[in-house]
PDB file of all heavy atoms in Angstrom:
ATOM      1  N   VAL A   1      37.518  28.143 -13.076  1.00  0.00           N
ATOM      2  CA  VAL A   1      38.279  29.355 -13.357  1.00  0.00           C
ATOM      3  C   VAL A   1      37.392  30.289 -14.174  1.00  0.00           C
ATOM      4  O   VAL A   1      36.788  29.887 -15.173  1.00  0.00           O
ATOM      5  CB  VAL A   1      39.575  29.033 -14.133  1.00  0.00           C
ATOM      6  CG1 VAL A   1      40.306  30.318 -14.505  1.00  0.00           C
ATOM      7  CG2 VAL A   1      40.477  28.128 -13.291  1.00  0.00           C
ATOM      8  N   THR A   2      37.291  31.542 -13.725  1.00  0.00           N
ATOM      9  CA  THR A   2      36.409  32.507 -14.371  1.00  0.00           C
ATOM     10  C   THR A   2      37.194  33.403 -15.322  1.00  0.00           C
ATOM     11  O   THR A   2      38.257  33.917 -14.968  1.00  0.00           O
ATOM     12  CB  THR A   2      35.709  33.379 -13.321  1.00  0.00           C
ATOM     13  OG1 THR A   2      35.253  32.544 -12.263  1.00  0.00           O
ATOM     14  CG2 THR A   2      34.536  34.118 -13.924  1.00  0.00           C
ATOM     15  N   GLU A   3      36.658  33.591 -16.513  1.00  0.00           N
ATOM     16  CA  GLU A   3      37.285  34.467 -17.506  1.00  0.00           C
ATOM     17  C   GLU A   3      36.624  35.840 -17.558  1.00  0.00           C
ATOM     18  O   GLU A   3      37.070  36.697 -18.308  1.00  0.00           O
ATOM     19  CB  GLU A   3      37.219  33.818 -18.886  1.00  0.00           C
ATOM     20  CG  GLU A   3      38.088  32.574 -19.013  1.00  0.00           C
ATOM     21  CD  GLU A   3      38.124  32.037 -20.428  1.00  0.00           C
ATOM     22  OE1 GLU A   3      37.041  31.864 -21.032  1.00  0.00           O
ATOM     23  OE2 GLU A   3      39.231  31.787 -20.932  1.00  0.00           O
ATOM     24  N   GLY A   4      35.582  36.040 -16.794  1.00  0.00           N
ATOM     25  CA  GLY A   4      34.885  37.325 -16.804  1.00  0.00           C
ATOM     26  C   GLY A   4      33.386  37.118 -16.928  1.00  0.00           C
ATOM     27  O   GLY A   4      32.857  36.052 -16.600  1.00  0.00           O
ATOM     28  N   LEU A   5      32.695  38.133 -17.414  1.00  0.00           N
ATOM     29  CA  LEU A   5      31.259  38.065 -17.624  1.00  0.00           C
ATOM     30  C   LEU A   5      30.961  38.199 -19.117  1.00  0.00           C
ATOM     31  O   LEU A   5      31.623  38.960 -19.825  1.00  0.00           O
ATOM     32  CB  LEU A   5      30.541  39.192 -16.860  1.00  0.00           C
ATOM     33  CG  LEU A   5      30.743  39.245 -15.344  1.00  0.00           C
ATOM     34  CD1 LEU A   5      30.002  40.446 -14.760  1.00  0.00           C
ATOM     35  CD2 LEU A   5      30.274  37.958 -14.690  1.00  0.00           C
ATOM     36  N   PHE A   6      29.987  37.426 -19.607  1.00  0.00           N
ATOM     37  CA  PHE A   6      29.556  37.554 -21.000  1.00  0.00           C
ATOM     38  C   PHE A   6      29.016  38.966 -21.231  1.00  0.00           C
ATOM     39  O   PHE A   6      28.237  39.488 -20.437  1.00  0.00           O
ATOM     40  CB  PHE A   6      28.470  36.535 -21.329  1.00  0.00           C
ATOM     41  CG  PHE A   6      28.962  35.118 -21.396  1.00  0.00           C
ATOM     42  CD1 PHE A   6      28.477  34.158 -20.505  1.00  0.00           C
ATOM     43  CD2 PHE A   6      29.892  34.733 -22.339  1.00  0.00           C
ATOM     44  CE1 PHE A   6      28.908  32.845 -20.569  1.00  0.00           C
ATOM     45  CE2 PHE A   6      30.334  33.419 -22.410  1.00  0.00           C
ATOM     46  CZ  PHE A   6      29.847  32.474 -21.519  1.00  0.00           C
ATOM     47  N   GLN A   7      29.427  39.572 -22.362  1.00  0.00           N
ATOM     48  CA  GLN A   7      28.987  40.934 -22.676  1.00  0.00           C
ATOM     49  C   GLN A   7      27.962  40.981 -23.809  1.00  0.00           C
ATOM     50  O   GLN A   7      27.351  42.018 -24.046  1.00  0.00           O
ATOM     51  CB  GLN A   7      30.201  41.792 -23.052  1.00  0.00           C
ATOM     52  CG  GLN A   7      31.232  41.927 -21.959  1.00  0.00           C
ATOM     53  CD  GLN A   7      30.683  42.620 -20.720  1.00  0.00           C
ATOM     54  OE1 GLN A   7      29.845  43.518 -20.817  1.00  0.00           O
ATOM     55  NE2 GLN A   7      31.144  42.195 -19.548  1.00  0.00           N
ATOM     56  N   SER A   8      27.751  39.835 -24.481  1.00  0.00           N
ATOM     57  CA  SER A   8      26.788  39.826 -25.594  1.00  0.00           C
ATOM     58  C   SER A   8      26.327  38.403 -25.849  1.00  0.00           C
ATOM     59  O   SER A   8      26.973  37.428 -25.422  1.00  0.00           O
ATOM     60  CB  SER A   8      27.425  40.394 -26.870  1.00  0.00           C
ATOM     61  OG  SER A   8      28.486  39.560 -27.305  1.00  0.00           O
ATOM     62  N   ALA A   9      25.206  38.263 -26.569  1.00  0.00           N
ATOM     63  CA  ALA A   9      24.692  36.940 -26.929  1.00  0.00           C
ATOM     64  C   ALA A   9      25.653  36.230 -27.871  1.00  0.00           C
ATOM     65  O   ALA A   9      25.787  34.999 -27.838  1.00  0.00           O
ATOM     66  CB  ALA A   9      23.310  37.076 -27.570  1.00  0.00           C
ATOM     67  N   GLU A  10      26.338  36.983 -28.735  1.00  0.00           N
ATOM     68  CA  GLU A  10      27.310  36.387 -29.649  1.00  0.00           C
ATOM     69  C   GLU A  10      28.477  35.771 -28.875  1.00  0.00           C
ATOM     70  O   GLU A  10      28.984  34.710 -29.241  1.00  0.00           O
ATOM     71  CB  GLU A  10      27.837  37.439 -30.618  1.00  0.00           C
ATOM     72  CG  GLU A  10      26.798  37.947 -31.628  1.00  0.00           C
ATOM     73  CD  GLU A  10      25.795  38.903 -31.008  1.00  0.00           C
ATOM     74  OE1 GLU A  10      26.091  39.431 -29.904  1.00  0.00           O
ATOM     75  OE2 GLU A  10      24.727  39.101 -31.615  1.00  0.00           O
ATOM     76  N   GLU A  11      28.881  36.421 -27.800  1.00  0.00           N
ATOM     77  CA  GLU A  11      29.981  35.890 -26.980  1.00  0.00           C
ATOM     78  C   GLU A  11      29.553  34.592 -26.288  1.00  0.00           C
ATOM     79  O   GLU A  11      30.341  33.661 -26.156  1.00  0.00           O
ATOM     80  CB  GLU A  11      30.414  36.918 -25.937  1.00  0.00           C
ATOM     81  CG  GLU A  11      31.687  36.533 -25.189  1.00  0.00           C
ATOM     82  CD  GLU A  11      32.134  37.627 -24.232  1.00  0.00           C
ATOM     83  OE1 GLU A  11      31.551  38.729 -24.250  1.00  0.00           O
ATOM     84  OE2 GLU A  11      33.077  37.362 -23.453  1.00  0.00           O
ATOM     85  N   VAL A  12      28.288  34.521 -25.883  1.00  0.00           N
ATOM     86  CA  VAL A  12      27.767  33.290 -25.274  1.00  0.00           C
ATOM     87  C   VAL A  12      27.794  32.156 -26.292  1.00  0.00           C
ATOM     88  O   VAL A  12      28.215  31.031 -25.990  1.00  0.00           O
ATOM     89  CB  VAL A  12      26.319  33.512 -24.759  1.00  0.00           C
ATOM     90  CG1 VAL A  12      25.737  32.191 -24.259  1.00  0.00           C
ATOM     91  CG2 VAL A  12      26.298  34.562 -23.659  1.00  0.00           C
ATOM     92  N   SER A  13      27.350  32.430 -27.514  1.00  0.00           N
ATOM     93  CA  SER A  13      27.289  31.393 -28.555  1.00  0.00           C
ATOM     94  C   SER A  13      28.675  30.906 -28.952  1.00  0.00           C
ATOM     95  O   SER A  13      28.865  29.723 -29.279  1.00  0.00           O
ATOM     96  CB  SER A  13      26.565  31.930 -29.787  1.00  0.00           C
ATOM     97  OG  SER A  13      25.251  32.326 -29.460  1.00  0.00           O
ATOM     98  N   ALA A  14      29.656  31.796 -28.956  1.00  0.00           N
ATOM     99  CA  ALA A  14      31.001  31.434 -29.393  1.00  0.00           C
ATOM    100  C   ALA A  14      31.800  30.709 -28.317  1.00  0.00           C
ATOM    101  O   ALA A  14      32.844  30.117 -28.612  1.00  0.00           O
ATOM    102  CB  ALA A  14      31.757  32.699 -29.825  1.00  0.00           C
ATOM    103  N   HIS A  15      31.318  30.727 -27.079  1.00  0.00           N
ATOM    104  CA  HIS A  15      32.079  30.140 -25.971  1.00  0.00           C
ATOM    105  C   HIS A  15      31.751  28.660 -25.816  1.00  0.00           C
ATOM    106  O   HIS A  15      30.786  28.142 -26.402  1.00  0.00           O
ATOM    107  CB  HIS A  15      31.755  30.894 -24.670  1.00  0.00           C
ATOM    108  CG  HIS A  15      32.632  30.498 -23.521  1.00  0.00           C
ATOM    109  ND1 HIS A  15      33.993  30.644 -23.533  1.00  0.00           N
ATOM    110  CD2 HIS A  15      32.325  29.937 -22.314  1.00  0.00           C
ATOM    111  CE1 HIS A  15      34.491  30.216 -22.380  1.00  0.00           C
ATOM    112  NE2 HIS A  15      33.494  29.777 -21.629  1.00  0.00           N
ATOM    113  N   ALA A  16      32.565  27.957 -25.040  1.00  0.00           N
ATOM    114  CA  ALA A  16      32.320  26.540 -24.740  1.00  0.00           C
ATOM    115  C   ALA A  16      30.940  26.360 -24.103  1.00  0.00           C
ATOM    116  O   ALA A  16      30.443  27.234 -23.396  1.00  0.00           O
ATOM    117  CB  ALA A  16      33.408  26.025 -23.793  1.00  0.00           C
ATOM    118  N   ASP A  17      30.336  25.207 -24.369  1.00  0.00           N
ATOM    119  CA  ASP A  17      28.982  24.915 -23.892  1.00  0.00           C
ATOM    120  C   ASP A  17      28.984  24.795 -22.356  1.00  0.00           C
ATOM    121  O   ASP A  17      29.692  23.979 -21.788  1.00  0.00           O
ATOM    122  CB  ASP A  17      28.506  23.612 -24.525  1.00  0.00           C
ATOM    123  CG  ASP A  17      27.101  23.237 -24.096  1.00  0.00           C
ATOM    124  OD1 ASP A  17      26.409  24.111 -23.529  1.00  0.00           O
ATOM    125  OD2 ASP A  17      26.710  22.076 -24.293  1.00  0.00           O
ATOM    126  N   GLN A  18      28.157  25.622 -21.690  1.00  0.00           N
ATOM    127  CA  GLN A  18      28.093  25.603 -20.224  1.00  0.00           C
ATOM    128  C   GLN A  18      26.792  24.990 -19.715  1.00  0.00           C
ATOM    129  O   GLN A  18      26.449  25.132 -18.540  1.00  0.00           O
ATOM    130  CB  GLN A  18      28.253  27.026 -19.658  1.00  0.00           C
ATOM    131  CG  GLN A  18      29.579  27.667 -20.011  1.00  0.00           C
ATOM    132  CD  GLN A  18      29.836  28.963 -19.268  1.00  0.00           C
ATOM    133  OE1 GLN A  18      30.955  29.444 -19.243  1.00  0.00           O
ATOM    134  NE2 GLN A  18      28.820  29.559 -18.658  1.00  0.00           N
ATOM    135  N   SER A  19      26.080  24.252 -20.579  1.00  0.00           N
ATOM    136  CA  SER A  19      24.768  23.719 -20.206  1.00  0.00           C
ATOM    137  C   SER A  19      24.850  22.641 -19.133  1.00  0.00           C
ATOM    138  O   SER A  19      23.860  22.389 -18.429  1.00  0.00           O
ATOM    139  CB  SER A  19      24.045  23.166 -21.445  1.00  0.00           C
ATOM    140  OG  SER A  19      24.799  22.109 -22.024  1.00  0.00           O
ATOM    141  N   GLU A  20      26.001  21.972 -18.998  1.00  0.00           N
ATOM    142  CA  GLU A  20      26.106  20.949 -17.957  1.00  0.00           C
ATOM    143  C   GLU A  20      26.238  21.587 -16.574  1.00  0.00           C
ATOM    144  O   GLU A  20      25.977  20.934 -15.561  1.00  0.00           O
ATOM    145  CB  GLU A  20      27.295  20.029 -18.236  1.00  0.00           C
ATOM    146  CG  GLU A  20      27.108  19.142 -19.450  1.00  0.00           C
ATOM    147  CD  GLU A  20      28.225  18.111 -19.590  1.00  0.00           C
ATOM    148  OE1 GLU A  20      28.604  17.515 -18.570  1.00  0.00           O
ATOM    149  OE2 GLU A  20      28.715  17.918 -20.719  1.00  0.00           O
ATOM    150  N   ILE A  21      26.650  22.841 -16.527  1.00  0.00           N
ATOM    151  CA  ILE A  21      26.664  23.564 -15.261  1.00  0.00           C
ATOM    152  C   ILE A  21      25.265  24.065 -14.933  1.00  0.00           C
ATOM    153  O   ILE A  21      24.803  23.979 -13.796  1.00  0.00           O
ATOM    154  CB  ILE A  21      27.656  24.745 -15.322  1.00  0.00           C
ATOM    155  CG1 ILE A  21      29.089  24.225 -15.544  1.00  0.00           C
ATOM    156  CG2 ILE A  21      27.587  25.589 -14.056  1.00  0.00           C
ATOM    157  CD1 ILE A  21      29.625  23.358 -14.409  1.00  0.00           C
ATOM    158  N   TYR A  22      24.576  24.584 -15.961  1.00  0.00           N
ATOM    159  CA  TYR A  22      23.194  25.037 -15.798  1.00  0.00           C
ATOM    160  C   TYR A  22      22.507  24.966 -17.154  1.00  0.00           C
ATOM    161  O   TYR A  22      22.992  25.547 -18.137  1.00  0.00           O
ATOM    162  CB  TYR A  22      23.162  26.472 -15.248  1.00  0.00           C
ATOM    163  CG  TYR A  22      21.788  27.078 -15.205  1.00  0.00           C
ATOM    164  CD1 TYR A  22      20.816  26.567 -14.346  1.00  0.00           C
ATOM    165  CD2 TYR A  22      21.454  28.152 -16.032  1.00  0.00           C
ATOM    166  CE1 TYR A  22      19.547  27.117 -14.315  1.00  0.00           C
ATOM    167  CE2 TYR A  22      20.190  28.714 -15.999  1.00  0.00           C
ATOM    168  CZ  TYR A  22      19.235  28.183 -15.138  1.00  0.00           C
ATOM    169  OH  TYR A  22      17.982  28.726 -15.098  1.00  0.00           O
ATOM    170  N   GLY A  23      21.388  24.263 -17.194  1.00  0.00           N
ATOM    171  CA  GLY A  23      20.720  24.023 -18.474  1.00  0.00           C
ATOM    172  C   GLY A  23      19.630  24.996 -18.813  1.00  0.00           C
ATOM    173  O   GLY A  23      18.928  24.819 -19.817  1.00  0.00           O
ATOM    174  N   GLY A  24      19.460  26.032 -18.015  1.00  0.00           N
ATOM    175  CA  GLY A  24      18.361  26.963 -18.252  1.00  0.00           C
ATOM    176  C   GLY A  24      18.695  28.118 -19.165  1.00  0.00           C
ATOM    177  O   GLY A  24      17.877  29.037 -19.328  1.00  0.00           O
ATOM    178  N   GLY A  25      19.869  28.098 -19.778  1.00  0.00           N
ATOM    179  CA  GLY A  25      20.244  29.158 -20.695  1.00  0.00           C
ATOM    180  C   GLY A  25      21.217  30.148 -20.077  1.00  0.00           C
ATOM    181  O   GLY A  25      21.185  30.421 -18.875  1.00  0.00           O
ATOM    182  N   TRP A  26      22.109  30.677 -20.949  1.00  0.00           N
ATOM    183  CA  TRP A  26      23.115  31.647 -20.520  1.00  0.00           C
ATOM    184  C   TRP A  26      22.940  32.931 -21.324  1.00  0.00           C
ATOM    185  O   TRP A  26      22.684  32.894 -22.529  1.00  0.00           O
ATOM    186  CB  TRP A  26      24.523  31.080 -20.718  1.00  0.00           C
ATOM    187  CG  TRP A  26      24.779  29.898 -19.810  1.00  0.00           C
ATOM    188  CD1 TRP A  26      24.401  28.614 -20.022  1.00  0.00           C
ATOM    189  CD2 TRP A  26      25.434  29.925 -18.553  1.00  0.00           C
ATOM    190  NE1 TRP A  26      24.779  27.810 -18.973  1.00  0.00           N
ATOM    191  CE2 TRP A  26      25.429  28.594 -18.049  1.00  0.00           C
ATOM    192  CE3 TRP A  26      26.033  30.924 -17.790  1.00  0.00           C
ATOM    193  CZ2 TRP A  26      25.993  28.242 -16.828  1.00  0.00           C
ATOM    194  CZ3 TRP A  26      26.607  30.574 -16.574  1.00  0.00           C
ATOM    195  CH2 TRP A  26      26.573  29.268 -16.099  1.00  0.00           C
ATOM    196  N   TYR A  27      23.125  34.068 -20.651  1.00  0.00           N
ATOM    197  CA  TYR A  27      22.813  35.356 -21.253  1.00  0.00           C
ATOM    198  C   TYR A  27      23.911  36.370 -20.934  1.00  0.00           C
ATOM    199  O   TYR A  27      24.764  36.132 -20.067  1.00  0.00           O
ATOM    200  CB  TYR A  27      21.460  35.862 -20.735  1.00  0.00           C
ATOM    201  CG  TYR A  27      20.341  34.891 -20.947  1.00  0.00           C
ATOM    202  CD1 TYR A  27      19.986  33.974 -19.954  1.00  0.00           C
ATOM    203  CD2 TYR A  27      19.631  34.873 -22.148  1.00  0.00           C
ATOM    204  CE1 TYR A  27      18.957  33.067 -20.149  1.00  0.00           C
ATOM    205  CE2 TYR A  27      18.599  33.975 -22.356  1.00  0.00           C
ATOM    206  CZ  TYR A  27      18.263  33.071 -21.358  1.00  0.00           C
ATOM    207  OH  TYR A  27      17.248  32.178 -21.567  1.00  0.00           O
ATOM    208  N   PRO A  28      23.904  37.492 -21.654  1.00  0.00           N
ATOM    209  CA  PRO A  28      24.853  38.551 -21.313  1.00  0.00           C
ATOM    210  C   PRO A  28      24.737  38.924 -19.829  1.00  0.00           C
ATOM    211  O   PRO A  28      23.636  39.047 -19.297  1.00  0.00           O
ATOM    212  CB  PRO A  28      24.428  39.712 -22.223  1.00  0.00           C
ATOM    213  CG  PRO A  28      23.782  39.055 -23.388  1.00  0.00           C
ATOM    214  CD  PRO A  28      23.091  37.853 -22.843  1.00  0.00           C
ATOM    215  N   GLY A  29      25.877  39.072 -19.184  1.00  0.00           N
ATOM    216  CA  GLY A  29      25.904  39.350 -17.751  1.00  0.00           C
ATOM    217  C   GLY A  29      26.149  38.131 -16.903  1.00  0.00           C
ATOM    218  O   GLY A  29      26.382  38.236 -15.696  1.00  0.00           O
ATOM    219  N   ASP A  30      26.097  36.927 -17.530  1.00  0.00           N
ATOM    220  CA  ASP A  30      26.390  35.697 -16.792  1.00  0.00           C
ATOM    221  C   ASP A  30      27.897  35.449 -16.740  1.00  0.00           C
ATOM    222  O   ASP A  30      28.673  36.020 -17.512  1.00  0.00           O
ATOM    223  CB  ASP A  30      25.691  34.502 -17.448  1.00  0.00           C
ATOM    224  CG  ASP A  30      24.194  34.495 -17.182  1.00  0.00           C
ATOM    225  OD1 ASP A  30      23.781  35.076 -16.153  1.00  0.00           O
ATOM    226  OD2 ASP A  30      23.451  33.911 -17.992  1.00  0.00           O
ATOM    227  N   VAL A  31      28.294  34.538 -15.851  1.00  0.00           N
ATOM    228  CA  VAL A  31      29.711  34.219 -15.656  1.00  0.00           C
ATOM    229  C   VAL A  31      30.219  33.365 -16.809  1.00  0.00           C
ATOM    230  O   VAL A  31      29.546  32.430 -17.263  1.00  0.00           O
ATOM    231  CB  VAL A  31      29.913  33.497 -14.312  1.00  0.00           C
ATOM    232  CG1 VAL A  31      31.352  32.998 -14.194  1.00  0.00           C
ATOM    233  CG2 VAL A  31      29.588  34.429 -13.153  1.00  0.00           C
ATOM    234  N   LYS A  32      31.420  33.675 -17.244  1.00  0.00           N
ATOM    235  CA  LYS A  32      32.077  32.958 -18.341  1.00  0.00           C
ATOM    236  C   LYS A  32      33.190  32.097 -17.747  1.00  0.00           C
ATOM    237  O   LYS A  32      34.189  32.607 -17.257  1.00  0.00           O
ATOM    238  CB  LYS A  32      32.646  33.964 -19.332  1.00  0.00           C
ATOM    239  CG  LYS A  32      33.373  33.366 -20.516  1.00  0.00           C
ATOM    240  CD  LYS A  32      33.894  34.500 -21.407  1.00  0.00           C
ATOM    241  CE  LYS A  32      34.643  33.978 -22.616  1.00  0.00           C
ATOM    242  NZ  LYS A  32      35.167  35.103 -23.441  1.00  0.00           N
TER     243      LYS A  32
END
């Protein structure tokens, strides 16, 4: 289930860990 797109690095850090989906790092503009 998608909640939108990350809009900032702070939003990425505050969200649940998505590294098991992809371990190469998540950035603003990625799927949340």
